[in-house]
Amino acid sequence: MEEALSFKFGPSDVMFSLLSLIFFLVDVVLDLWAIDCLYKEEKYFSMGLLICLLVSSSVLLQIFSWLWYTDSSRILETNVERFFSTHGLLPLVHICQFGLFLRFAATMEISTCGFKQRNVFPKGVTIYIKHDLSMLRVFEAFSESAPQIVLMTALIIEMKEMQSFTVIKILGSLSALAFTVLSYHRNMRVFVSEKFKMGWTSSVIYFLWNLLLIGPRVACVSLFASMLPCYLPAHFLSLWMLFFLWAWWQNTDFMDTKSGEWLYRATVGIIWYFSWFNVTSGNIKSKGIIYHVVMVMDMMMLLGLWWWRRSLEQASLSPLPINPYLLIAMLTFIYIIGILLKLLYYWKLHPKKPVLQINRKDQEPHLKLKRDEECISILKTDLGETHKAEPECIVLSQTQNTGIHKRIRIMVGNFY
């Protein structure tokens, strides 16, 4: 049984669920449109590379989704999930690459039913479904959307004339990427009381600093790819391997199996190539500083190599619509503004870090995350009993150290 507290959906929760679905569907349509455009322009290599990115990312997401659906610690509660599970269609759904569509359908069912009437679904079910979907969307954003933006931006840079529509299209893609990260952050705020819920001001600032950090990173990689495309795979693999080893060194413990954990670490390496994502607790500030220092140094190297190569071939290249020195200064300035907004957010708007401790009450271990004076209690025992909520803490059961319970416990600890 899932934890039986009711979950109250507000208009903002339904709106964010709907926006997330809309962005996902628009992304699928734009992917097909991009393939069609590249085919008509006879850019077959770029088209093949784009298809390879889309297929590999989709397969990665289906593997994670299937591994999480095979988790025996969670009972499928939504009608749409139960239908596919009862008829033995879950494997076929993931083989056909429709795992994310199924999860979106379950999320929309919960959102609409929860908004119309309360107590339709237990709170635990709501948290589990939205958490897994938001994680998959983050994986998709950095394994598909970000590389695709790099590819399309590099192709646009090679064009003789850069139209305003193409710039708007790139900004829209980056905004969708930042919105995905924002949606994940909002879903993690479900573990705090109403006082600490994410408001519109904090949402806007969080969205902006992600956009201002991811945007320059994607731009630097795109500029480098436009002049030295053959060296981009070597750059990605070398940096990805460094990040992969860093994730291994941090001893991540997110998945239930060793093979799943290695896959998760490899995925984290892809995410870190574009943006910071905390995967373990402890020394978060030090890790963040190290990461941003590495990113700044790498971006300066990419911009330097791009400028050097362009200066050598300046005679045979069409002039840029903006001065290269001004472009480098703008990207550096935007990244610095993003870091400052990030510092402002964590200084003023992010909930203070909770204190983790083990509560031995009734001889049953629970992970208690204390937060000032107001928190929510989420308690689940092996027998499915629901205890009275303690209003000043978050309580997550440690009696089940596998599956969704383990993933949520780890991500909550890392997040706060």
Protein backbone atom coordinates (compact mmCIF):
# COMPACT_ATOMS: atom_id res chain seq x y z
CA MET A 1 0.00 0.00 0.00
CA GLU A 2 1.12 3.51 -0.69
CA GLU A 3 1.13 6.22 1.88
CA ALA A 4 -2.44 7.40 2.30
CA LEU A 5 -2.20 11.10 2.82
CA SER A 6 -4.18 13.07 0.25
CA PHE A 7 -2.40 15.30 -2.19
CA LYS A 8 -4.00 18.62 -3.04
CA PHE A 9 -3.51 19.78 -6.60
CA GLY A 10 -3.67 23.47 -7.32
CA PRO A 11 -4.07 25.19 -10.68
CA SER A 12 -0.30 25.73 -10.88
CA ASP A 13 0.36 21.98 -10.49
CA VAL A 14 -2.05 21.11 -13.29
CA MET A 15 -0.64 23.90 -15.45
CA PHE A 16 2.94 22.70 -15.04
CA SER A 17 1.91 19.12 -15.83
CA LEU A 18 0.10 20.34 -18.94
CA LEU A 19 3.00 22.56 -20.02
CA SER A 20 5.41 19.68 -19.58
CA LEU A 21 3.25 17.50 -21.82
CA ILE A 22 2.92 20.27 -24.41
CA PHE A 23 6.68 20.84 -24.49
CA PHE A 24 7.21 17.10 -24.92
CA LEU A 25 4.76 16.85 -27.84
CA VAL A 26 6.15 19.99 -29.48
CA ASP A 27 9.64 18.55 -29.12
CA VAL A 28 8.57 15.37 -30.93
CA VAL A 29 7.01 17.39 -33.77
CA LEU A 30 10.10 19.60 -34.08
CA ASP A 31 12.33 16.52 -34.22
CA LEU A 32 10.38 15.18 -37.19
CA TRP A 33 10.36 18.61 -38.82
CA ALA A 34 14.14 18.95 -38.40
CA ILE A 35 14.72 15.54 -40.01
CA ASP A 36 12.49 16.52 -42.94
CA CYS A 37 14.31 19.85 -43.41
CA LEU A 38 17.74 18.20 -43.40
CA TYR A 39 16.54 15.64 -45.93
CA LYS A 40 15.21 18.33 -48.27
CA GLU A 41 18.48 20.26 -47.96
CA GLU A 42 20.36 17.04 -48.80
CA LYS A 43 22.39 17.19 -45.61
CA TYR A 44 22.29 13.45 -45.18
CA PHE A 45 25.19 13.17 -42.75
CA SER A 46 23.61 15.71 -40.38
CA MET A 47 20.26 13.98 -40.78
CA GLY A 48 21.80 10.62 -39.92
CA LEU A 49 23.56 12.12 -36.91
CA LEU A 50 20.30 13.66 -35.69
CA ILE A 51 18.44 10.37 -36.08
CA CYS A 52 21.23 8.60 -34.19
CA LEU A 53 20.89 11.11 -31.33
CA LEU A 54 17.12 10.70 -31.19
CA VAL A 55 17.18 6.91 -31.28
CA SER A 56 19.99 6.50 -28.74
CA SER A 57 18.32 8.92 -26.32
CA SER A 58 14.95 7.21 -26.71
CA VAL A 59 16.47 3.78 -26.07
CA LEU A 60 18.22 5.13 -22.97
CA LEU A 61 14.94 6.50 -21.59
CA GLN A 62 13.04 3.28 -22.31
CA ILE A 63 15.67 1.26 -20.44
CA PHE A 64 15.37 3.46 -17.36
CA SER A 65 11.57 3.50 -17.58
CA TRP A 66 11.38 -0.28 -17.91
CA LEU A 67 13.80 -0.85 -15.02
CA TRP A 68 11.66 1.39 -12.83
CA TYR A 69 8.40 -0.26 -13.91
CA THR A 70 9.82 -3.66 -12.95
CA ASP A 71 10.29 -2.35 -9.41
CA SER A 72 8.17 -4.67 -7.26
CA SER A 73 7.95 -2.19 -4.38
CA ARG A 74 5.45 0.04 -6.19
CA ILE A 75 1.91 -0.96 -7.10
CA LEU A 76 0.52 0.57 -10.30
CA GLU A 77 -2.44 2.69 -9.21
CA THR A 78 -3.52 4.65 -12.29
CA ASN A 79 -6.06 3.15 -14.67
CA VAL A 80 -3.89 3.60 -17.75
CA GLU A 81 -0.87 1.89 -16.17
CA ARG A 82 -2.95 -0.95 -14.74
CA PHE A 83 -4.51 -1.58 -18.17
CA PHE A 84 -1.16 -2.03 -19.90
CA SER A 85 0.25 -4.06 -17.01
CA THR A 86 -2.78 -6.37 -16.74
CA HIS A 87 -2.70 -7.14 -20.47
CA GLY A 88 1.07 -7.71 -20.43
CA LEU A 89 1.72 -4.77 -22.75
CA LEU A 90 4.37 -2.93 -20.71
CA PRO A 91 7.32 -4.64 -22.47
CA LEU A 92 5.78 -3.95 -25.90
CA VAL A 93 5.17 -0.30 -24.99
CA HIS A 94 8.84 0.19 -24.16
CA ILE A 95 10.08 -1.77 -27.18
CA CYS A 96 7.97 0.55 -29.35
CA GLN A 97 9.55 3.55 -27.54
CA PHE A 98 6.27 4.71 -25.96
CA GLY A 99 7.29 4.43 -22.31
CA LEU A 100 7.34 8.20 -21.78
CA PHE A 101 3.91 8.60 -23.38
CA LEU A 102 2.53 6.08 -20.89
CA ARG A 103 4.06 7.96 -17.97
CA PHE A 104 2.68 11.26 -19.25
CA ALA A 105 -0.78 9.69 -19.53
CA ALA A 106 -0.55 8.49 -15.92
CA THR A 107 0.58 11.94 -14.76
CA MET A 108 -2.26 13.70 -16.57
CA GLU A 109 -4.77 11.23 -15.10
CA ILE A 110 -3.53 12.00 -11.59
CA SER A 111 -3.37 15.76 -12.20
CA THR A 112 -6.87 16.11 -13.62
CA CYS A 113 -8.49 13.78 -11.08
CA GLY A 114 -6.61 15.38 -8.19
CA PHE A 115 -7.68 18.85 -9.29
CA LYS A 116 -11.37 17.91 -9.60
CA GLN A 117 -11.64 16.03 -6.30
CA ARG A 118 -9.35 15.17 -3.43
CA ASN A 119 -8.31 11.77 -2.07
CA VAL A 120 -8.54 10.11 -5.50
CA PHE A 121 -4.93 8.91 -5.36
CA PRO A 122 -2.70 8.42 -2.32
CA LYS A 123 0.02 11.00 -1.98
CA GLY A 124 2.75 8.38 -2.33
CA VAL A 125 1.46 7.37 -5.77
CA THR A 126 1.46 10.98 -6.93
CA ILE A 127 4.99 11.56 -5.72
CA TYR A 128 6.35 8.36 -7.25
CA ILE A 129 4.89 8.90 -10.72
CA LYS A 130 5.83 12.56 -10.96
CA HIS A 131 9.34 11.92 -9.61
CA ASP A 132 10.16 9.20 -12.13
CA LEU A 133 8.75 11.20 -15.03
CA SER A 134 10.67 14.33 -14.08
CA MET A 135 13.89 12.30 -13.84
CA LEU A 136 13.31 10.80 -17.28
CA ARG A 137 12.62 14.25 -18.71
CA VAL A 138 15.94 15.51 -17.31
CA PHE A 139 17.72 12.54 -18.89
CA GLU A 140 16.01 13.28 -22.20
CA ALA A 141 16.82 16.98 -22.03
CA PHE A 142 20.56 16.43 -21.84
CA SER A 143 20.89 13.24 -23.89
CA GLU A 144 18.72 14.44 -26.79
CA SER A 145 17.64 18.08 -26.66
CA ALA A 146 21.00 19.65 -25.73
CA PRO A 147 23.05 17.72 -28.35
CA GLN A 148 20.35 18.44 -30.92
CA ILE A 149 20.54 22.17 -30.18
CA VAL A 150 24.32 22.00 -30.61
CA LEU A 151 23.93 20.28 -33.99
CA MET A 152 21.27 22.67 -35.29
CA THR A 153 23.13 25.75 -34.01
CA ALA A 154 26.35 24.60 -35.69
CA LEU A 155 24.46 24.17 -38.96
CA ILE A 156 22.87 27.60 -38.62
CA ILE A 157 26.27 29.23 -37.99
CA GLU A 158 27.47 27.83 -41.31
CA MET A 159 24.63 29.59 -43.15
CA LYS A 160 25.53 32.74 -45.06
CA GLU A 161 22.58 34.64 -43.64
CA MET A 162 21.24 34.19 -40.12
CA GLN A 163 17.55 35.00 -39.92
CA SER A 164 15.86 36.22 -36.76
CA PHE A 165 13.51 33.24 -36.89
CA THR A 166 16.41 30.82 -36.47
CA VAL A 167 17.67 32.73 -33.42
CA ILE A 168 14.19 32.64 -31.87
CA LYS A 169 14.00 28.92 -32.58
CA ILE A 170 17.29 28.29 -30.75
CA LEU A 171 16.22 30.42 -27.79
CA GLY A 172 12.92 28.53 -27.66
CA SER A 173 14.74 25.19 -27.56
CA LEU A 174 17.03 26.40 -24.78
CA SER A 175 14.00 27.72 -22.86
CA ALA A 176 12.31 24.32 -23.12
CA LEU A 177 15.49 22.73 -21.78
CA ALA A 178 15.61 25.11 -18.81
CA PHE A 179 11.88 24.55 -18.18
CA THR A 180 12.50 20.79 -17.92
CA VAL A 181 15.07 21.39 -15.19
CA LEU A 182 12.63 23.76 -13.47
CA SER A 183 9.88 21.11 -13.55
CA TYR A 184 12.20 18.62 -11.84
CA HIS A 185 13.06 21.20 -9.18
CA ARG A 186 9.37 21.94 -8.52
CA ASN A 187 8.62 18.23 -8.15
CA MET A 188 11.33 17.95 -5.50
CA ARG A 189 9.63 20.74 -3.52
CA VAL A 190 6.72 18.39 -2.79
CA PHE A 191 8.65 17.23 0.29
CA VAL A 192 8.36 20.59 2.03
CA SER A 193 5.42 22.34 3.62
CA GLU A 194 3.25 24.87 1.84
CA LYS A 195 5.36 27.66 3.30
CA PHE A 196 8.38 26.45 1.31
CA LYS A 197 6.60 25.64 -1.95
CA MET A 198 8.14 27.16 -5.06
CA GLY A 199 6.46 30.45 -5.92
CA TRP A 200 6.46 32.33 -9.19
CA THR A 201 9.40 34.56 -8.22
CA SER A 202 11.66 31.68 -7.28
CA SER A 203 10.51 29.74 -10.37
CA VAL A 204 11.41 32.62 -12.69
CA ILE A 205 14.84 33.12 -11.11
CA TYR A 206 15.55 29.39 -11.16
CA PHE A 207 14.53 29.24 -14.82
CA LEU A 208 16.67 32.25 -15.72
CA TRP A 209 19.90 31.08 -14.11
CA ASN A 210 19.58 27.68 -15.75
CA LEU A 211 18.94 29.35 -19.10
CA LEU A 212 21.88 31.73 -18.64
CA LEU A 213 24.25 28.89 -17.71
CA ILE A 214 23.14 26.27 -20.23
CA GLY A 215 22.83 28.78 -23.10
CA PRO A 216 26.49 29.92 -23.19
CA ARG A 217 27.67 26.33 -22.72
CA VAL A 218 25.65 25.15 -25.72
CA ALA A 219 26.80 28.19 -27.73
CA CYS A 220 30.49 27.49 -27.03
CA VAL A 221 30.18 23.84 -28.03
CA SER A 222 28.24 24.86 -31.16
CA LEU A 223 30.87 27.41 -32.22
CA PHE A 224 33.61 24.84 -31.71
CA ALA A 225 31.64 22.25 -33.70
CA SER A 226 31.09 24.69 -36.57
CA MET A 227 34.85 25.14 -37.12
CA LEU A 228 36.36 21.88 -35.83
CA PRO A 229 33.58 19.28 -36.17
CA CYS A 230 35.98 16.32 -36.36
CA TYR A 231 37.42 17.17 -32.94
CA LEU A 232 34.07 17.46 -31.15
CA PRO A 233 33.66 13.69 -30.54
CA ALA A 234 37.14 13.57 -28.98
CA HIS A 235 36.34 16.57 -26.78
CA PHE A 236 33.02 15.10 -25.67
CA LEU A 237 34.42 11.64 -24.93
CA SER A 238 37.38 12.98 -22.96
CA LEU A 239 35.24 15.28 -20.81
CA TRP A 240 32.47 12.69 -20.48
CA MET A 241 34.98 10.08 -19.29
CA LEU A 242 36.28 12.53 -16.69
CA PHE A 243 32.74 13.18 -15.43
CA PHE A 244 31.89 9.47 -15.54
CA LEU A 245 34.88 8.68 -13.34
CA TRP A 246 33.93 11.54 -11.02
CA ALA A 247 30.43 10.09 -10.62
CA TRP A 248 31.96 6.67 -9.90
CA TRP A 249 34.39 8.23 -7.40
CA GLN A 250 31.42 9.82 -5.59
CA ASN A 251 30.01 6.30 -5.16
CA THR A 252 26.49 7.00 -6.43
CA ASP A 253 23.80 4.56 -5.29
CA PHE A 254 20.68 5.45 -7.25
CA MET A 255 19.70 2.22 -9.02
CA ASP A 256 18.99 -1.25 -7.60
CA THR A 257 21.40 -3.19 -9.84
CA LYS A 258 25.10 -2.70 -10.59
CA SER A 259 24.50 -2.53 -14.32
CA GLY A 260 21.75 0.03 -13.80
CA GLU A 261 24.05 2.09 -11.57
CA TRP A 262 26.80 2.15 -14.21
CA LEU A 263 24.22 3.26 -16.77
CA TYR A 264 23.08 6.00 -14.40
CA ARG A 265 26.67 7.22 -13.91
CA ALA A 266 27.18 7.31 -17.67
CA THR A 267 24.00 9.37 -18.00
CA VAL A 268 25.15 11.75 -15.26
CA GLY A 269 28.35 12.26 -17.26
CA ILE A 270 26.25 13.39 -20.23
CA ILE A 271 24.26 15.79 -18.04
CA TRP A 272 27.43 17.29 -16.54
CA TYR A 273 28.77 17.98 -20.02
CA PHE A 274 26.09 20.69 -20.23
CA SER A 275 24.91 21.51 -16.70
CA TRP A 276 25.47 20.74 -13.01
CA PHE A 277 23.34 18.02 -11.40
CA ASN A 278 23.97 16.97 -7.81
CA VAL A 279 24.06 13.18 -7.36
CA THR A 280 25.46 12.70 -3.85
CA SER A 281 25.21 14.51 -0.54
CA GLY A 282 28.10 16.19 1.24
CA ASN A 283 30.47 18.97 0.13
CA ILE A 284 27.89 20.26 -2.35
CA LYS A 285 29.44 23.73 -2.47
CA SER A 286 32.93 22.37 -3.13
CA LYS A 287 31.67 20.11 -5.91
CA GLY A 288 29.74 22.98 -7.48
CA ILE A 289 32.77 25.27 -7.40
CA ILE A 290 35.01 22.60 -8.94
CA TYR A 291 32.45 21.94 -11.66
CA HIS A 292 31.97 25.58 -12.65
CA VAL A 293 35.73 26.21 -12.66
CA VAL A 294 36.17 23.26 -15.03
CA MET A 295 33.29 24.51 -17.19
CA VAL A 296 34.68 28.05 -17.45
CA MET A 297 38.13 26.75 -18.37
CA ASP A 298 36.67 24.38 -20.96
CA MET A 299 34.46 27.08 -22.47
CA MET A 300 37.42 29.46 -22.75
CA MET A 301 39.39 26.71 -24.48
CA LEU A 302 36.56 26.03 -26.94
CA LEU A 303 36.12 29.73 -27.72
CA GLY A 304 39.87 30.18 -28.12
CA LEU A 305 40.16 27.28 -30.56
CA TRP A 306 37.12 28.52 -32.46
CA TRP A 307 38.54 32.04 -32.80
CA TRP A 308 41.99 30.70 -33.80
CA ARG A 309 40.56 28.43 -36.50
CA ARG A 310 38.25 31.10 -37.80
CA SER A 311 41.06 33.65 -38.03
CA LEU A 312 43.04 31.20 -40.19
CA GLU A 313 40.15 30.66 -42.60
CA GLN A 314 38.63 34.13 -42.40
CA ALA A 315 39.10 34.78 -46.13
CA SER A 316 36.97 31.79 -47.17
CA LEU A 317 34.25 32.27 -44.55
CA SER A 318 31.21 34.50 -44.61
CA PRO A 319 31.38 37.29 -42.01
CA LEU A 320 29.59 36.77 -38.72
CA PRO A 321 26.62 39.03 -37.94
CA ILE A 322 28.40 39.97 -34.71
CA ASN A 323 32.02 40.79 -33.91
CA PRO A 324 33.83 37.64 -32.61
CA TYR A 325 35.40 39.55 -29.70
CA LEU A 326 32.00 40.95 -28.73
CA LEU A 327 30.47 37.47 -28.99
CA ILE A 328 33.09 35.98 -26.64
CA ALA A 329 32.59 38.85 -24.18
CA MET A 330 28.79 38.42 -24.30
CA LEU A 331 28.93 34.68 -23.64
CA THR A 332 31.31 35.20 -20.73
CA PHE A 333 29.14 37.98 -19.28
CA ILE A 334 25.94 35.92 -19.62
CA TYR A 335 27.56 32.95 -17.86
CA ILE A 336 28.74 35.17 -15.00
CA ILE A 337 25.22 36.62 -14.64
CA GLY A 338 23.87 33.07 -14.53
CA ILE A 339 26.25 32.15 -11.71
CA LEU A 340 25.28 35.28 -9.77
CA LEU A 341 21.57 34.48 -10.16
CA LYS A 342 22.26 30.94 -9.01
CA LEU A 343 24.03 32.23 -5.91
CA LEU A 344 21.12 34.61 -5.26
CA TYR A 345 18.60 31.81 -5.57
CA TYR A 346 20.38 29.46 -3.15
CA TRP A 347 21.04 32.34 -0.76
CA LYS A 348 17.50 33.73 -0.57
CA LEU A 349 14.98 31.36 -2.17
CA HIS A 350 16.12 27.75 -1.73
CA PRO A 351 14.93 25.93 1.45
CA LYS A 352 17.66 25.63 4.02
CA LYS A 353 19.48 22.32 4.15
CA PRO A 354 17.68 19.88 6.47
CA VAL A 355 19.32 17.85 9.18
CA LEU A 356 19.30 14.11 8.47
CA GLN A 357 18.89 11.80 11.43
CA ILE A 358 17.54 8.35 12.19
CA ASN A 359 14.44 8.11 14.33
CA ARG A 360 14.25 4.84 16.32
CA LYS A 361 10.71 5.42 17.49
CA ASP A 362 8.75 2.17 17.81
CA GLN A 363 11.99 0.31 16.97
CA GLU A 364 11.54 1.13 13.27
CA PRO A 365 14.14 3.17 11.40
CA HIS A 366 12.98 6.25 9.55
CA LEU A 367 14.88 8.96 7.79
CA LYS A 368 13.84 12.25 9.28
CA LEU A 369 14.56 15.47 7.43
CA LYS A 370 14.00 18.33 9.84
CA ARG A 371 13.26 21.70 8.37
CA ASP A 372 13.00 24.65 10.73
CA GLU A 373 9.50 24.42 12.17
CA GLU A 374 7.29 23.27 9.31
CA CYS A 375 7.54 20.07 7.26
CA ILE A 376 5.39 17.31 5.89
CA SER A 377 5.40 13.74 7.13
CA ILE A 378 5.51 10.91 4.62
CA LEU A 379 5.62 7.60 6.46
CA LYS A 380 5.22 4.09 5.11
CA THR A 381 5.79 0.81 6.96
CA ASP A 382 6.28 -2.71 5.67
CA LEU A 383 2.74 -3.61 6.71
CA GLY A 384 1.31 -0.61 4.90
CA GLU A 385 0.23 1.13 8.11
CA THR A 386 -0.06 4.87 8.00
CA HIS A 387 1.06 6.61 11.18
CA LYS A 388 -0.02 9.99 12.37
CA ALA A 389 1.91 12.73 10.65
CA GLU A 390 4.42 14.68 12.68
CA PRO A 391 4.00 18.26 11.43
CA GLU A 392 7.61 19.34 11.87
CA CYS A 393 9.49 16.86 9.72
CA ILE A 394 9.62 14.81 6.56
CA VAL A 395 9.71 11.11 7.30
CA LEU A 396 10.73 8.63 4.63
CA SER A 397 10.72 4.92 5.42
CA GLN A 398 14.04 3.09 5.33
CA THR A 399 12.46 -0.32 5.73
CA GLN A 400 12.32 -0.60 1.94
CA ASN A 401 15.75 0.22 0.57
CA THR A 402 14.97 -0.55 -3.06
CA GLY A 403 13.10 0.86 -6.01
CA ILE A 404 11.25 4.15 -5.93
CA HIS A 405 11.60 4.50 -2.13
CA LYS A 406 15.38 4.35 -2.44
CA ARG A 407 15.48 6.74 -5.42
CA ILE A 408 13.33 9.36 -3.74
CA ARG A 409 15.22 9.11 -0.44
CA ILE A 410 18.56 9.58 -2.20
CA MET A 411 17.41 12.46 -4.41
CA VAL A 412 15.76 14.26 -1.48
CA GLY A 413 18.97 13.95 0.53
CA ASN A 414 21.03 15.26 -2.39
CA PHE A 415 18.55 18.00 -3.26
CA TYR A 416 18.32 19.61 0.17
